[in-house]
C-alpha atoms as a PDB file:
ATOM      1  CA  UNK A   1     -24.944  33.968  -5.227  1.00  0.00           C
ATOM      2  CA  UNK A   2     -25.745  32.963  -1.668  1.00  0.00           C
ATOM      3  CA  UNK A   3     -25.848  29.278  -2.714  1.00  0.00           C
ATOM      4  CA  UNK A   4     -22.328  29.540  -4.161  1.00  0.00           C
ATOM      5  CA  UNK A   5     -21.016  31.119  -0.968  1.00  0.00           C
ATOM      6  CA  UNK A   6     -22.654  28.345   1.064  1.00  0.00           C
ATOM      7  CA  UNK A   7     -21.269  25.556  -1.127  1.00  0.00           C
ATOM      8  CA  UNK A   8     -17.688  26.873  -1.272  1.00  0.00           C
ATOM      9  CA  UNK A   9     -16.707  25.916   2.321  1.00  0.00           C
ATOM     10  CA  UNK A  10     -18.166  22.449   1.818  1.00  0.00           C
ATOM     11  CA  UNK A  11     -16.102  21.959  -1.340  1.00  0.00           C
ATOM     12  CA  UNK A  12     -12.917  23.073   0.418  1.00  0.00           C
ATOM     13  CA  UNK A  13     -13.627  20.665   3.267  1.00  0.00           C
ATOM     14  CA  UNK A  14     -14.222  17.721   0.921  1.00  0.00           C
ATOM     15  CA  UNK A  15     -11.083  18.490  -1.084  1.00  0.00           C
ATOM     16  CA  UNK A  16      -8.951  18.703   2.034  1.00  0.00           C
ATOM     17  CA  UNK A  17     -10.219  15.299   3.190  1.00  0.00           C
ATOM     18  CA  UNK A  18      -9.007  13.645   0.004  1.00  0.00           C
ATOM     19  CA  UNK A  19      -5.568  15.261   0.327  1.00  0.00           C
ATOM     20  CA  UNK A  20      -4.984  14.150   3.922  1.00  0.00           C
ATOM     21  CA  UNK A  21      -2.059  11.819   3.122  1.00  0.00           C
ATOM     22  CA  UNK A  22      -0.883  13.523  -0.057  1.00  0.00           C
ATOM     23  CA  UNK A  23       2.457  14.577   1.433  1.00  0.00           C
ATOM     24  CA  UNK A  24       2.963  11.367   3.428  1.00  0.00           C
ATOM     25  CA  UNK A  25       6.012   9.326   2.453  1.00  0.00           C
ATOM     26  CA  UNK A  26       5.350   6.080   0.599  1.00  0.00           C
ATOM     27  CA  UNK A  27       4.884   3.201   3.013  1.00  0.00           C
ATOM     28  CA  UNK A  28       7.825   0.938   3.707  1.00  0.00           C
ATOM     29  CA  UNK A  29       7.564  -2.637   2.473  1.00  0.00           C
ATOM     30  CA  UNK A  30       6.605  -3.966   5.912  1.00  0.00           C
ATOM     31  CA  UNK A  31       3.540  -1.702   6.021  1.00  0.00           C
ATOM     32  CA  UNK A  32       2.024  -3.426   2.980  1.00  0.00           C
ATOM     33  CA  UNK A  33       1.738  -6.785   4.749  1.00  0.00           C
ATOM     34  CA  UNK A  34      -0.366  -7.822   7.746  1.00  0.00           C
ATOM     35  CA  UNK A  35      -0.827 -11.028   9.699  1.00  0.00           C
ATOM     36  CA  UNK A  36      -2.556 -11.499  13.005  1.00  0.00           C
ATOM     37  CA  UNK A  37      -0.120 -11.422  15.907  1.00  0.00           C
ATOM     38  CA  UNK A  38       2.797 -10.097  13.843  1.00  0.00           C
ATOM     39  CA  UNK A  39       4.558  -6.833  14.668  1.00  0.00           C
ATOM     40  CA  UNK A  40       6.457  -4.787  12.079  1.00  0.00           C
ATOM     41  CA  UNK A  41       9.641  -6.427  13.336  1.00  0.00           C
ATOM     42  CA  UNK A  42       8.279  -9.928  12.681  1.00  0.00           C
ATOM     43  CA  UNK A  43       7.069  -8.811   9.262  1.00  0.00           C
ATOM     44  CA  UNK A  44      10.598  -7.539   8.517  1.00  0.00           C
ATOM     45  CA  UNK A  45      12.027 -10.946   9.465  1.00  0.00           C
ATOM     46  CA  UNK A  46       9.536 -12.656   7.138  1.00  0.00           C
ATOM     47  CA  UNK A  47      10.348 -10.229   4.296  1.00  0.00           C
ATOM     48  CA  UNK A  48      14.080 -10.868   4.632  1.00  0.00           C
ATOM     49  CA  UNK A  49      13.535 -14.634   4.720  1.00  0.00           C
ATOM     50  CA  UNK A  50      11.508 -14.243   1.505  1.00  0.00           C
ATOM     51  CA  UNK A  51      14.405 -12.475  -0.217  1.00  0.00           C
ATOM     52  CA  UNK A  52      13.537  -8.828   0.304  1.00  0.00           C
ATOM     53  CA  UNK A  53      16.604  -6.658  -0.313  1.00  0.00           C
ATOM     54  CA  UNK A  54      15.948  -2.911  -0.401  1.00  0.00           C
ATOM     55  CA  UNK A  55      19.125  -1.665  -2.154  1.00  0.00           C
ATOM     56  CA  UNK A  56      18.607  -3.975  -5.141  1.00  0.00           C
ATOM     57  CA  UNK A  57      14.860  -3.876  -5.484  1.00  0.00           C
ATOM     58  CA  UNK A  58      13.076  -4.704  -8.769  1.00  0.00           C
ATOM     59  CA  UNK A  59       9.581  -5.667  -9.886  1.00  0.00           C
ATOM     60  CA  UNK A  60      10.829  -9.211 -10.560  1.00  0.00           C
ATOM     61  CA  UNK A  61      12.145  -9.480  -7.003  1.00  0.00           C
ATOM     62  CA  UNK A  62       8.839  -8.092  -5.721  1.00  0.00           C
ATOM     63  CA  UNK A  63       7.009 -10.923  -7.479  1.00  0.00           C
ATOM     64  CA  UNK A  64       9.133 -13.573  -5.722  1.00  0.00           C
ATOM     65  CA  UNK A  65       8.699 -11.891  -2.338  1.00  0.00           C
ATOM     66  CA  UNK A  66       4.934 -11.589  -2.902  1.00  0.00           C
ATOM     67  CA  UNK A  67       4.569 -15.305  -3.602  1.00  0.00           C
ATOM     68  CA  UNK A  68       6.603 -16.173  -0.507  1.00  0.00           C
ATOM     69  CA  UNK A  69       4.708 -13.789   1.792  1.00  0.00           C
ATOM     70  CA  UNK A  70       1.318 -15.000   0.555  1.00  0.00           C
ATOM     71  CA  UNK A  71       2.385 -18.625   1.116  1.00  0.00           C
ATOM     72  CA  UNK A  72       3.370 -17.717   4.686  1.00  0.00           C
ATOM     73  CA  UNK A  73      -0.190 -16.522   5.283  1.00  0.00           C
ATOM     74  CA  UNK A  74       0.361 -12.780   5.129  1.00  0.00           C
ATOM     75  CA  UNK A  75      -2.331 -10.556   3.656  1.00  0.00           C
ATOM     76  CA  UNK A  76      -1.394  -7.727   1.313  1.00  0.00           C
ATOM     77  CA  UNK A  77      -2.980  -4.318   1.755  1.00  0.00           C
ATOM     78  CA  UNK A  78      -2.213  -1.906  -1.021  1.00  0.00           C
ATOM     79  CA  UNK A  79      -1.711   1.162   1.135  1.00  0.00           C
ATOM     80  CA  UNK A  80      -2.244   2.050   4.769  1.00  0.00           C
ATOM     81  CA  UNK A  81      -3.166   5.538   3.508  1.00  0.00           C
ATOM     82  CA  UNK A  82      -6.174   4.489   1.436  1.00  0.00           C
ATOM     83  CA  UNK A  83      -5.860   5.456  -2.227  1.00  0.00           C
ATOM     84  CA  UNK A  84      -2.752   7.590  -1.738  1.00  0.00           C
ATOM     85  CA  UNK A  85       0.468   5.679  -2.503  1.00  0.00           C
ATOM     86  CA  UNK A  86      -1.544   2.661  -3.683  1.00  0.00           C
ATOM     87  CA  UNK A  87       0.995   0.481  -5.493  1.00  0.00           C
ATOM     88  CA  UNK A  88      -1.514  -1.643  -7.412  1.00  0.00           C
ATOM     89  CA  UNK A  89      -2.856   1.343  -9.330  1.00  0.00           C
ATOM     90  CA  UNK A  90       0.407   1.573 -11.310  1.00  0.00           C
ATOM     91  CA  UNK A  91       0.687  -0.664 -14.426  1.00  0.00           C
ATOM     92  CA  UNK A  92       4.112  -2.214 -13.631  1.00  0.00           C
ATOM     93  CA  UNK A  93       2.720  -3.628 -10.375  1.00  0.00           C
ATOM     94  CA  UNK A  94      -0.812  -4.680 -11.358  1.00  0.00           C
ATOM     95  CA  UNK A  95       0.249  -8.206 -12.397  1.00  0.00           C
ATOM     96  CA  UNK A  96       2.025  -8.924  -9.105  1.00  0.00           C
ATOM     97  CA  UNK A  97       0.634 -11.737  -6.927  1.00  0.00           C
ATOM     98  CA  UNK A  98       0.030  -9.256  -4.094  1.00  0.00           C
ATOM     99  CA  UNK A  99      -2.196  -7.077  -6.292  1.00  0.00           C
ATOM    100  CA  UNK A 100      -3.953 -10.101  -7.778  1.00  0.00           C
ATOM    101  CA  UNK A 101      -4.657 -11.441  -4.270  1.00  0.00           C
ATOM    102  CA  UNK A 102      -6.738  -8.345  -3.540  1.00  0.00           C
ATOM    103  CA  UNK A 103      -9.097  -9.163  -6.431  1.00  0.00           C
ATOM    104  CA  UNK A 104     -10.127 -12.526  -4.954  1.00  0.00           C
END
């Protein structure tokens, strides 16, 4: 019984660590891309020049933007929150160039 009481706080602590970003909003498109010396504003400019258009967003458009951003030297990171809100874990996105670039 004493072992169970001793383990319970540890389990609660470990569970709370994994839920840290659970209620965080999904990252905006500019938070998925990084490049040395580029601010979020410069990343937004690059996204727009690659055809990013939030109101009419589709997986097909994402593929075109991914190819363009990768060619410009940007690196894709699936989520700034770790595993929470990771786009590449969802089947419709796994084939995208951005997700494939992470496997190299």
